[in-house]
Amino acid sequence: MFDQIDINQIRMACFVGIFLLMALLEAGLPRRQRTSGRLKRWPANWGLIFLDALVVRLIFPIGGAGLALLVLNNGWGLFPLLGWSGVLAGVLTFLALDLAVWFQHLMSHKIPLFWRIHRVHHADSEVDATTALRFHPLEILLSFVWKGLVIAALGGPVAAVLIFEIVLNGSAVFSHANLRLPLWADRLLRYVIVTPDMHRVHHSVYRRETDSNYGFYLSIWDRLFGTYVDQPEKGHDGMEIGLGPALTPKAHSFLFSLAIPFLRQGRGPDEDDR
């Protein structure tokens, strides 16, 4: 049904379309007035984005769906062993991968070494569509290894993994977008999925808020495991985003952002930014 070229083309086309749509909506319906301009923030963000894309292309070119195809062709994984296929295996694969991403994100905040790497993502002084892709290459590699292990262990349908990858990439851009949704839409949507207002709380300088709302697509995991926070204490217009004065102002530099995991500056996972 799929070959590797089809998978990569489908995934890339969907991602580019969603990213451009969110960028246009941000321009027309911004949620917050920016405290730092794009010209200051975007060079580092785009530098990391292109570096990450290069690393993935060189080290893990087949992606998650390509790995699922390899697993399927070899009959590996739990679901083939149990004889599960079709819609049941697809739904379970999607839910398991979304939970796995939530758990990885949680561990990125709780394990000091992982937090050092994840700080690169949180060091942005604003949250917009580019922030969704602002990660250190080490975190990208760790993420691919983790998701790859889950995909190989499950042996779920290729279509389900491809759909998950498209949804995950799209929802990450959507949830980071500086986008003003109608209040009723935000309240309704966040019963099921992570909205921009819900995820923005996670980028607060305050630890109680940073250590919340870990979901990327489904909001159920934060509600189920007690990590859901409804609103930032100072409101969305008054909240401060980033990692505080020790790191965030310098994180506008691409080279400094690459060095963040190796620096002792900034808070640890059990400290406040102020």
C-alpha atoms as a PDB file:
ATOM      1  CA  MET A   1       0.000   0.000   0.000  1.00  0.00           C
ATOM      2  CA  PHE A   2       2.812   2.390   0.888  1.00  0.00           C
ATOM      3  CA  ASP A   3       6.385   2.762  -0.192  1.00  0.00           C
ATOM      4  CA  GLN A   4       9.035   4.953   1.408  1.00  0.00           C
ATOM      5  CA  ILE A   5       8.777   7.772  -1.152  1.00  0.00           C
ATOM      6  CA  ASP A   6       4.993   7.980  -0.740  1.00  0.00           C
ATOM      7  CA  ILE A   7       5.311   8.117   3.054  1.00  0.00           C
ATOM      8  CA  ASN A   8       7.861  10.932   3.060  1.00  0.00           C
ATOM      9  CA  GLN A   9       5.949  12.955   0.468  1.00  0.00           C
ATOM     10  CA  ILE A  10       2.627  12.619   2.291  1.00  0.00           C
ATOM     11  CA  ARG A  11       4.147  13.528   5.644  1.00  0.00           C
ATOM     12  CA  MET A  12       6.052  16.545   4.298  1.00  0.00           C
ATOM     13  CA  ALA A  13       3.137  17.906   2.262  1.00  0.00           C
ATOM     14  CA  CYS A  14       0.803  17.754   5.263  1.00  0.00           C
ATOM     15  CA  PHE A  15       3.356  19.364   7.555  1.00  0.00           C
ATOM     16  CA  VAL A  16       4.147  22.268   5.215  1.00  0.00           C
ATOM     17  CA  GLY A  17       0.457  22.920   4.622  1.00  0.00           C
ATOM     18  CA  ILE A  18      -0.374  22.981   8.341  1.00  0.00           C
ATOM     19  CA  PHE A  19       2.632  25.149   9.192  1.00  0.00           C
ATOM     20  CA  LEU A  20       1.772  27.747   6.540  1.00  0.00           C
ATOM     21  CA  LEU A  21      -1.859  27.798   7.665  1.00  0.00           C
ATOM     22  CA  MET A  22      -0.888  28.375  11.305  1.00  0.00           C
ATOM     23  CA  ALA A  23       1.588  31.107  10.324  1.00  0.00           C
ATOM     24  CA  LEU A  24      -1.157  32.915   8.401  1.00  0.00           C
ATOM     25  CA  LEU A  25      -3.643  32.567  11.259  1.00  0.00           C
ATOM     26  CA  GLU A  26      -1.054  33.859  13.740  1.00  0.00           C
ATOM     27  CA  ALA A  27      -0.597  36.975  11.635  1.00  0.00           C
ATOM     28  CA  GLY A  28      -4.328  37.650  11.499  1.00  0.00           C
ATOM     29  CA  LEU A  29      -5.483  36.442  14.936  1.00  0.00           C
ATOM     30  CA  PRO A  30      -2.596  36.820  17.419  1.00  0.00           C
ATOM     31  CA  ARG A  31      -3.266  35.775  21.034  1.00  0.00           C
ATOM     32  CA  ARG A  32      -0.459  37.806  22.629  1.00  0.00           C
ATOM     33  CA  GLN A  33       1.476  40.915  21.745  1.00  0.00           C
ATOM     34  CA  ARG A  34       5.045  39.778  21.209  1.00  0.00           C
ATOM     35  CA  THR A  35       7.637  40.896  23.750  1.00  0.00           C
ATOM     36  CA  SER A  36      10.422  39.834  21.371  1.00  0.00           C
ATOM     37  CA  GLY A  37      10.269  40.400  17.635  1.00  0.00           C
ATOM     38  CA  ARG A  38      10.565  37.682  15.022  1.00  0.00           C
ATOM     39  CA  LEU A  39      13.840  39.107  13.730  1.00  0.00           C
ATOM     40  CA  LYS A  40      15.352  38.525  17.166  1.00  0.00           C
ATOM     41  CA  ARG A  41      13.926  35.051  17.793  1.00  0.00           C
ATOM     42  CA  TRP A  42      13.546  33.391  14.432  1.00  0.00           C
ATOM     43  CA  PRO A  43      17.202  33.098  13.312  1.00  0.00           C
ATOM     44  CA  ALA A  44      17.938  30.715  16.208  1.00  0.00           C
ATOM     45  CA  ASN A  45      14.633  28.888  15.799  1.00  0.00           C
ATOM     46  CA  TRP A  46      15.062  28.354  12.071  1.00  0.00           C
ATOM     47  CA  GLY A  47      18.702  27.423  12.545  1.00  0.00           C
ATOM     48  CA  LEU A  48      17.673  24.642  14.921  1.00  0.00           C
ATOM     49  CA  ILE A  49      14.851  23.566  12.617  1.00  0.00           C
ATOM     50  CA  PHE A  50      17.149  23.155   9.617  1.00  0.00           C
ATOM     51  CA  LEU A  51      19.861  21.457  11.677  1.00  0.00           C
ATOM     52  CA  ASP A  52      17.329  19.013  13.121  1.00  0.00           C
ATOM     53  CA  ALA A  53      15.988  18.248   9.644  1.00  0.00           C
ATOM     54  CA  LEU A  54      19.519  17.517   8.444  1.00  0.00           C
ATOM     55  CA  VAL A  55      20.239  15.252  11.416  1.00  0.00           C
ATOM     56  CA  VAL A  56      17.018  13.303  10.871  1.00  0.00           C
ATOM     57  CA  ARG A  57      17.695  13.007   7.146  1.00  0.00           C
ATOM     58  CA  LEU A  58      21.166  11.613   7.766  1.00  0.00           C
ATOM     59  CA  ILE A  59      20.507   9.340  10.753  1.00  0.00           C
ATOM     60  CA  PHE A  60      16.844   8.314  10.580  1.00  0.00           C
ATOM     61  CA  PRO A  61      15.665   8.926   7.001  1.00  0.00           C
ATOM     62  CA  ILE A  62      12.842   6.380   6.982  1.00  0.00           C
ATOM     63  CA  GLY A  63      10.889   8.044   9.798  1.00  0.00           C
ATOM     64  CA  GLY A  64       8.353   6.381  12.061  1.00  0.00           C
ATOM     65  CA  ALA A  65       6.030   5.214   9.292  1.00  0.00           C
ATOM     66  CA  GLY A  66       8.968   3.812   7.333  1.00  0.00           C
ATOM     67  CA  LEU A  67      10.020   1.882  10.417  1.00  0.00           C
ATOM     68  CA  ALA A  68       6.449   0.605  10.804  1.00  0.00           C
ATOM     69  CA  LEU A  69       6.639  -0.664   7.218  1.00  0.00           C
ATOM     70  CA  LEU A  70       9.893  -2.478   8.013  1.00  0.00           C
ATOM     71  CA  VAL A  71       8.359  -3.986  11.159  1.00  0.00           C
ATOM     72  CA  LEU A  72       5.278  -5.090   9.210  1.00  0.00           C
ATOM     73  CA  ASN A  73       7.315  -6.743   6.467  1.00  0.00           C
ATOM     74  CA  ASN A  74       9.213  -8.755   9.089  1.00  0.00           C
ATOM     75  CA  GLY A  75       6.192  -9.682  11.194  1.00  0.00           C
ATOM     76  CA  TRP A  76       7.601  -8.133  14.353  1.00  0.00           C
ATOM     77  CA  GLY A  77       5.688  -6.683  17.279  1.00  0.00           C
ATOM     78  CA  LEU A  78       2.953  -7.470  19.770  1.00  0.00           C
ATOM     79  CA  PHE A  79      -0.085  -6.965  17.553  1.00  0.00           C
ATOM     80  CA  PRO A  80       0.942  -9.490  14.855  1.00  0.00           C
ATOM     81  CA  LEU A  81       1.706 -11.951  17.664  1.00  0.00           C
ATOM     82  CA  LEU A  82      -1.804 -11.487  19.059  1.00  0.00           C
ATOM     83  CA  GLY A  83      -3.380 -11.513  15.621  1.00  0.00           C
ATOM     84  CA  TRP A  84      -4.729  -7.978  16.016  1.00  0.00           C
ATOM     85  CA  SER A  85      -5.089  -5.899  12.885  1.00  0.00           C
ATOM     86  CA  GLY A  86      -7.374  -3.416  11.169  1.00  0.00           C
ATOM     87  CA  VAL A  87      -9.197  -0.671  13.042  1.00  0.00           C
ATOM     88  CA  LEU A  88      -8.566  -2.115  16.513  1.00  0.00           C
ATOM     89  CA  ALA A  89      -4.796  -2.266  16.024  1.00  0.00           C
ATOM     90  CA  GLY A  90      -4.829   1.149  14.365  1.00  0.00           C
ATOM     91  CA  VAL A  91      -6.680   2.884  17.203  1.00  0.00           C
ATOM     92  CA  LEU A  92      -4.547   1.203  19.860  1.00  0.00           C
ATOM     93  CA  THR A  93      -1.371   2.147  17.976  1.00  0.00           C
ATOM     94  CA  PHE A  94      -2.435   5.786  17.782  1.00  0.00           C
ATOM     95  CA  LEU A  95      -3.359   5.950  21.478  1.00  0.00           C
ATOM     96  CA  ALA A  96      -0.195   4.140  22.574  1.00  0.00           C
ATOM     97  CA  LEU A  97       2.044   6.469  20.562  1.00  0.00           C
ATOM     98  CA  ASP A  98       0.306   9.572  21.892  1.00  0.00           C
ATOM     99  CA  LEU A  99       0.691   8.299  25.461  1.00  0.00           C
ATOM    100  CA  ALA A 100       4.344   7.461  24.755  1.00  0.00           C
ATOM    101  CA  VAL A 101       5.010  11.016  23.556  1.00  0.00           C
ATOM    102  CA  TRP A 102       3.268  12.396  26.665  1.00  0.00           C
ATOM    103  CA  PHE A 103       5.419  10.164  28.890  1.00  0.00           C
ATOM    104  CA  GLN A 104       8.618  11.157  27.096  1.00  0.00           C
ATOM    105  CA  HIS A 105       7.730  14.814  27.589  1.00  0.00           C
ATOM    106  CA  LEU A 106       7.079  14.200  31.285  1.00  0.00           C
ATOM    107  CA  MET A 107      10.473  12.506  31.677  1.00  0.00           C
ATOM    108  CA  SER A 108      12.110  15.434  29.862  1.00  0.00           C
ATOM    109  CA  HIS A 109      11.067  17.567  32.823  1.00  0.00           C
ATOM    110  CA  LYS A 110      11.751  15.071  35.613  1.00  0.00           C
ATOM    111  CA  ILE A 111      15.149  13.601  34.677  1.00  0.00           C
ATOM    112  CA  PRO A 112      17.924  16.215  35.071  1.00  0.00           C
ATOM    113  CA  LEU A 113      19.936  15.127  32.018  1.00  0.00           C
ATOM    114  CA  PHE A 114      16.878  15.151  29.787  1.00  0.00           C
ATOM    115  CA  TRP A 115      15.771  18.501  31.214  1.00  0.00           C
ATOM    116  CA  ARG A 116      19.117  20.057  30.289  1.00  0.00           C
ATOM    117  CA  ILE A 117      18.474  19.081  26.681  1.00  0.00           C
ATOM    118  CA  HIS A 118      14.782  20.001  26.733  1.00  0.00           C
ATOM    119  CA  ARG A 119      15.583  23.492  28.059  1.00  0.00           C
ATOM    120  CA  VAL A 120      16.443  24.510  24.496  1.00  0.00           C
ATOM    121  CA  HIS A 121      12.760  24.221  23.612  1.00  0.00           C
ATOM    122  CA  HIS A 122      11.644  26.209  26.655  1.00  0.00           C
ATOM    123  CA  ALA A 123      14.242  28.947  26.266  1.00  0.00           C
ATOM    124  CA  ASP A 124      12.221  30.742  23.575  1.00  0.00           C
ATOM    125  CA  SER A 125      10.906  34.058  24.884  1.00  0.00           C
ATOM    126  CA  GLU A 126       7.616  33.707  23.005  1.00  0.00           C
ATOM    127  CA  VAL A 127       5.576  30.775  21.738  1.00  0.00           C
ATOM    128  CA  ASP A 128       4.596  30.544  18.088  1.00  0.00           C
ATOM    129  CA  ALA A 129       4.584  28.051  15.238  1.00  0.00           C
ATOM    130  CA  THR A 130       8.391  28.005  15.035  1.00  0.00           C
ATOM    131  CA  THR A 131       8.677  27.144  18.743  1.00  0.00           C
ATOM    132  CA  ALA A 132       6.968  23.828  17.970  1.00  0.00           C
ATOM    133  CA  LEU A 133      10.096  22.807  16.053  1.00  0.00           C
ATOM    134  CA  ARG A 134      12.714  24.447  18.262  1.00  0.00           C
ATOM    135  CA  PHE A 135      14.550  21.446  19.732  1.00  0.00           C
ATOM    136  CA  HIS A 136      18.152  20.508  20.285  1.00  0.00           C
ATOM    137  CA  PRO A 137      19.323  17.780  17.848  1.00  0.00           C
ATOM    138  CA  LEU A 138      20.028  15.505  20.824  1.00  0.00           C
ATOM    139  CA  GLU A 139      16.370  15.654  21.827  1.00  0.00           C
ATOM    140  CA  ILE A 140      15.284  14.904  18.274  1.00  0.00           C
ATOM    141  CA  LEU A 141      17.466  11.791  18.280  1.00  0.00           C
ATOM    142  CA  LEU A 142      16.211  10.657  21.694  1.00  0.00           C
ATOM    143  CA  SER A 143      12.647  11.185  20.556  1.00  0.00           C
ATOM    144  CA  PHE A 144      13.130   9.108  17.416  1.00  0.00           C
ATOM    145  CA  VAL A 145      14.736   6.292  19.398  1.00  0.00           C
ATOM    146  CA  TRP A 146      11.881   6.253  21.916  1.00  0.00           C
ATOM    147  CA  LYS A 147       9.126   6.345  19.307  1.00  0.00           C
ATOM    148  CA  GLY A 148      10.985   3.768  17.246  1.00  0.00           C
ATOM    149  CA  LEU A 149      11.071   1.358  20.173  1.00  0.00           C
ATOM    150  CA  VAL A 150       7.330   1.766  20.718  1.00  0.00           C
ATOM    151  CA  ILE A 151       6.578   1.286  17.007  1.00  0.00           C
ATOM    152  CA  ALA A 152       8.756  -1.838  16.852  1.00  0.00           C
ATOM    153  CA  ALA A 153       7.253  -3.256  20.050  1.00  0.00           C
ATOM    154  CA  LEU A 154       3.664  -2.802  18.864  1.00  0.00           C
ATOM    155  CA  GLY A 155       3.928  -3.738  15.196  1.00  0.00           C
ATOM    156  CA  GLY A 156       0.867  -1.633  14.430  1.00  0.00           C
ATOM    157  CA  PRO A 157      -0.507  -0.742  10.980  1.00  0.00           C
ATOM    158  CA  VAL A 158       1.656   1.523   8.816  1.00  0.00           C
ATOM    159  CA  ALA A 159      -1.336   3.754   8.076  1.00  0.00           C
ATOM    160  CA  ALA A 160      -1.928   4.326  11.801  1.00  0.00           C
ATOM    161  CA  VAL A 161       1.696   5.328  12.374  1.00  0.00           C
ATOM    162  CA  LEU A 162       1.645   7.643   9.349  1.00  0.00           C
ATOM    163  CA  ILE A 163      -1.588   9.263  10.533  1.00  0.00           C
ATOM    164  CA  PHE A 164      -0.105   9.667  14.000  1.00  0.00           C
ATOM    165  CA  GLU A 165       3.042  11.333  12.629  1.00  0.00           C
ATOM    166  CA  ILE A 166       0.966  13.769  10.571  1.00  0.00           C
ATOM    167  CA  VAL A 167      -1.345  14.530  13.500  1.00  0.00           C
ATOM    168  CA  LEU A 168       1.561  14.875  15.946  1.00  0.00           C
ATOM    169  CA  ASN A 169       3.438  17.322  13.720  1.00  0.00           C
ATOM    170  CA  GLY A 170       0.307  19.285  12.936  1.00  0.00           C
ATOM    171  CA  SER A 171      -0.926  19.403  16.519  1.00  0.00           C
ATOM    172  CA  ALA A 172       2.505  20.506  17.763  1.00  0.00           C
ATOM    173  CA  VAL A 173       2.419  23.491  15.408  1.00  0.00           C
ATOM    174  CA  PHE A 174      -1.221  24.217  16.296  1.00  0.00           C
ATOM    175  CA  SER A 175      -0.703  24.000  20.070  1.00  0.00           C
ATOM    176  CA  HIS A 176       2.307  26.332  19.928  1.00  0.00           C
ATOM    177  CA  ALA A 177       0.667  28.850  17.608  1.00  0.00           C
ATOM    178  CA  ASN A 178       0.176  32.396  18.866  1.00  0.00           C
ATOM    179  CA  LEU A 179      -3.445  32.038  17.844  1.00  0.00           C
ATOM    180  CA  ARG A 180      -6.556  33.510  19.438  1.00  0.00           C
ATOM    181  CA  LEU A 181      -9.417  31.040  19.423  1.00  0.00           C
ATOM    182  CA  PRO A 182     -12.938  32.022  20.497  1.00  0.00           C
ATOM    183  CA  LEU A 183     -13.321  31.184  24.185  1.00  0.00           C
ATOM    184  CA  TRP A 184     -16.119  28.707  23.506  1.00  0.00           C
ATOM    185  CA  ALA A 185     -13.997  26.909  20.913  1.00  0.00           C
ATOM    186  CA  ASP A 186     -11.009  26.677  23.249  1.00  0.00           C
ATOM    187  CA  ARG A 187     -13.141  25.334  26.108  1.00  0.00           C
ATOM    188  CA  LEU A 188     -14.800  22.766  23.857  1.00  0.00           C
ATOM    189  CA  LEU A 189     -11.681  21.623  21.993  1.00  0.00           C
ATOM    190  CA  ARG A 190      -9.518  21.158  25.069  1.00  0.00           C
ATOM    191  CA  TYR A 191     -11.821  18.427  26.349  1.00  0.00           C
ATOM    192  CA  VAL A 192     -10.286  16.326  23.566  1.00  0.00           C
ATOM    193  CA  ILE A 193      -7.151  17.965  22.151  1.00  0.00           C
ATOM    194  CA  VAL A 194      -4.450  20.359  23.322  1.00  0.00           C
ATOM    195  CA  THR A 195      -5.229  23.959  22.355  1.00  0.00           C
ATOM    196  CA  PRO A 196      -2.776  26.867  22.055  1.00  0.00           C
ATOM    197  CA  ASP A 197      -3.984  28.398  25.342  1.00  0.00           C
ATOM    198  CA  MET A 198      -3.672  25.071  27.135  1.00  0.00           C
ATOM    199  CA  HIS A 199      -0.129  24.433  25.963  1.00  0.00           C
ATOM    200  CA  ARG A 200       1.047  28.020  26.435  1.00  0.00           C
ATOM    201  CA  VAL A 201       0.692  27.497  30.194  1.00  0.00           C
ATOM    202  CA  HIS A 202       3.425  24.861  29.884  1.00  0.00           C
ATOM    203  CA  HIS A 203       5.885  27.509  28.633  1.00  0.00           C
ATOM    204  CA  SER A 204       5.544  29.715  31.724  1.00  0.00           C
ATOM    205  CA  VAL A 205       8.657  30.624  33.723  1.00  0.00           C
ATOM    206  CA  TYR A 206       6.944  29.312  36.862  1.00  0.00           C
ATOM    207  CA  ARG A 207       7.613  25.683  37.643  1.00  0.00           C
ATOM    208  CA  ARG A 208       4.077  24.825  38.766  1.00  0.00           C
ATOM    209  CA  GLU A 209       2.893  25.859  35.327  1.00  0.00           C
ATOM    210  CA  THR A 210       5.891  24.542  33.383  1.00  0.00           C
ATOM    211  CA  ASP A 211       5.383  21.111  34.953  1.00  0.00           C
ATOM    212  CA  SER A 212       1.881  20.773  33.536  1.00  0.00           C
ATOM    213  CA  ASN A 213       0.037  20.206  30.263  1.00  0.00           C
ATOM    214  CA  TYR A 214       2.568  17.825  28.715  1.00  0.00           C
ATOM    215  CA  GLY A 215       0.255  16.594  25.979  1.00  0.00           C
ATOM    216  CA  PHE A 216       0.937  17.249  22.311  1.00  0.00           C
ATOM    217  CA  TYR A 217      -2.351  16.072  20.825  1.00  0.00           C
ATOM    218  CA  LEU A 218      -4.836  14.434  23.196  1.00  0.00           C
ATOM    219  CA  SER A 219      -5.545  16.315  26.418  1.00  0.00           C
ATOM    220  CA  ILE A 220      -6.826  13.227  28.237  1.00  0.00           C
ATOM    221  CA  TRP A 221      -3.415  12.174  29.578  1.00  0.00           C
ATOM    222  CA  ASP A 222      -2.889  15.372  31.576  1.00  0.00           C
ATOM    223  CA  ARG A 223      -6.388  15.145  33.007  1.00  0.00           C
ATOM    224  CA  LEU A 224      -5.979  11.450  33.785  1.00  0.00           C
ATOM    225  CA  PHE A 225      -2.575  11.762  35.490  1.00  0.00           C
ATOM    226  CA  GLY A 226      -3.217  15.032  37.339  1.00  0.00           C
ATOM    227  CA  THR A 227      -0.881  17.306  35.366  1.00  0.00           C
ATOM    228  CA  TYR A 228      -3.576  19.535  33.865  1.00  0.00           C
ATOM    229  CA  VAL A 229      -3.533  23.275  34.652  1.00  0.00           C
ATOM    230  CA  ASP A 230      -6.380  25.309  33.199  1.00  0.00           C
ATOM    231  CA  GLN A 231      -4.933  28.835  33.002  1.00  0.00           C
ATOM    232  CA  PRO A 232      -1.690  30.679  33.855  1.00  0.00           C
ATOM    233  CA  GLU A 233      -1.792  32.524  37.170  1.00  0.00           C
ATOM    234  CA  LYS A 234      -1.105  35.903  35.529  1.00  0.00           C
ATOM    235  CA  GLY A 235      -3.301  35.304  32.494  1.00  0.00           C
ATOM    236  CA  HIS A 236      -2.112  34.800  28.947  1.00  0.00           C
ATOM    237  CA  ASP A 237      -1.341  38.465  28.377  1.00  0.00           C
ATOM    238  CA  GLY A 238       0.523  38.877  31.664  1.00  0.00           C
ATOM    239  CA  MET A 239       2.408  35.584  31.886  1.00  0.00           C
ATOM    240  CA  GLU A 240       6.164  35.455  31.340  1.00  0.00           C
ATOM    241  CA  ILE A 241       7.400  32.832  28.903  1.00  0.00           C
ATOM    242  CA  GLY A 242      10.797  31.149  28.841  1.00  0.00           C
ATOM    243  CA  LEU A 243      13.409  30.148  31.396  1.00  0.00           C
ATOM    244  CA  GLY A 244      13.987  33.435  33.160  1.00  0.00           C
ATOM    245  CA  PRO A 245      16.841  35.933  32.861  1.00  0.00           C
ATOM    246  CA  ALA A 246      19.693  33.406  33.120  1.00  0.00           C
ATOM    247  CA  LEU A 247      18.991  31.737  29.783  1.00  0.00           C
ATOM    248  CA  THR A 248      16.145  33.170  27.740  1.00  0.00           C
ATOM    249  CA  PRO A 249      17.709  36.462  26.539  1.00  0.00           C
ATOM    250  CA  LYS A 250      20.803  34.597  25.316  1.00  0.00           C
ATOM    251  CA  ALA A 251      18.747  31.863  23.656  1.00  0.00           C
ATOM    252  CA  HIS A 252      18.087  34.175  20.716  1.00  0.00           C
ATOM    253  CA  SER A 253      21.563  33.085  19.622  1.00  0.00           C
ATOM    254  CA  PHE A 254      21.698  29.892  17.565  1.00  0.00           C
ATOM    255  CA  LEU A 255      25.109  28.880  18.928  1.00  0.00           C
ATOM    256  CA  PHE A 256      24.107  29.614  22.520  1.00  0.00           C
ATOM    257  CA  SER A 257      20.977  27.493  22.050  1.00  0.00           C
ATOM    258  CA  LEU A 258      23.138  24.578  20.926  1.00  0.00           C
ATOM    259  CA  ALA A 259      25.280  25.016  24.050  1.00  0.00           C
ATOM    260  CA  ILE A 260      22.385  25.159  26.556  1.00  0.00           C
ATOM    261  CA  PRO A 261      22.447  21.415  27.457  1.00  0.00           C
ATOM    262  CA  PHE A 262      26.076  21.768  28.529  1.00  0.00           C
ATOM    263  CA  LEU A 263      25.584  24.861  30.715  1.00  0.00           C
ATOM    264  CA  ARG A 264      24.874  24.960  34.426  1.00  0.00           C
ATOM    265  CA  GLN A 265      22.919  28.206  34.134  1.00  0.00           C
ATOM    266  CA  GLY A 266      19.176  28.208  34.602  1.00  0.00           C
ATOM    267  CA  ARG A 267      16.977  26.138  36.848  1.00  0.00           C
ATOM    268  CA  GLY A 268      17.091  22.447  37.448  1.00  0.00           C
ATOM    269  CA  PRO A 269      13.944  20.327  37.179  1.00  0.00           C
ATOM    270  CA  ASP A 270      13.083  20.926  40.853  1.00  0.00           C
ATOM    271  CA  GLU A 271      13.732  24.672  40.981  1.00  0.00           C
ATOM    272  CA  ASP A 272      11.843  27.784  39.969  1.00  0.00           C
ATOM    273  CA  ASP A 273      13.114  30.098  37.266  1.00  0.00           C
ATOM    274  CA  ARG A 274      12.923  33.017  39.690  1.00  0.00           C
END
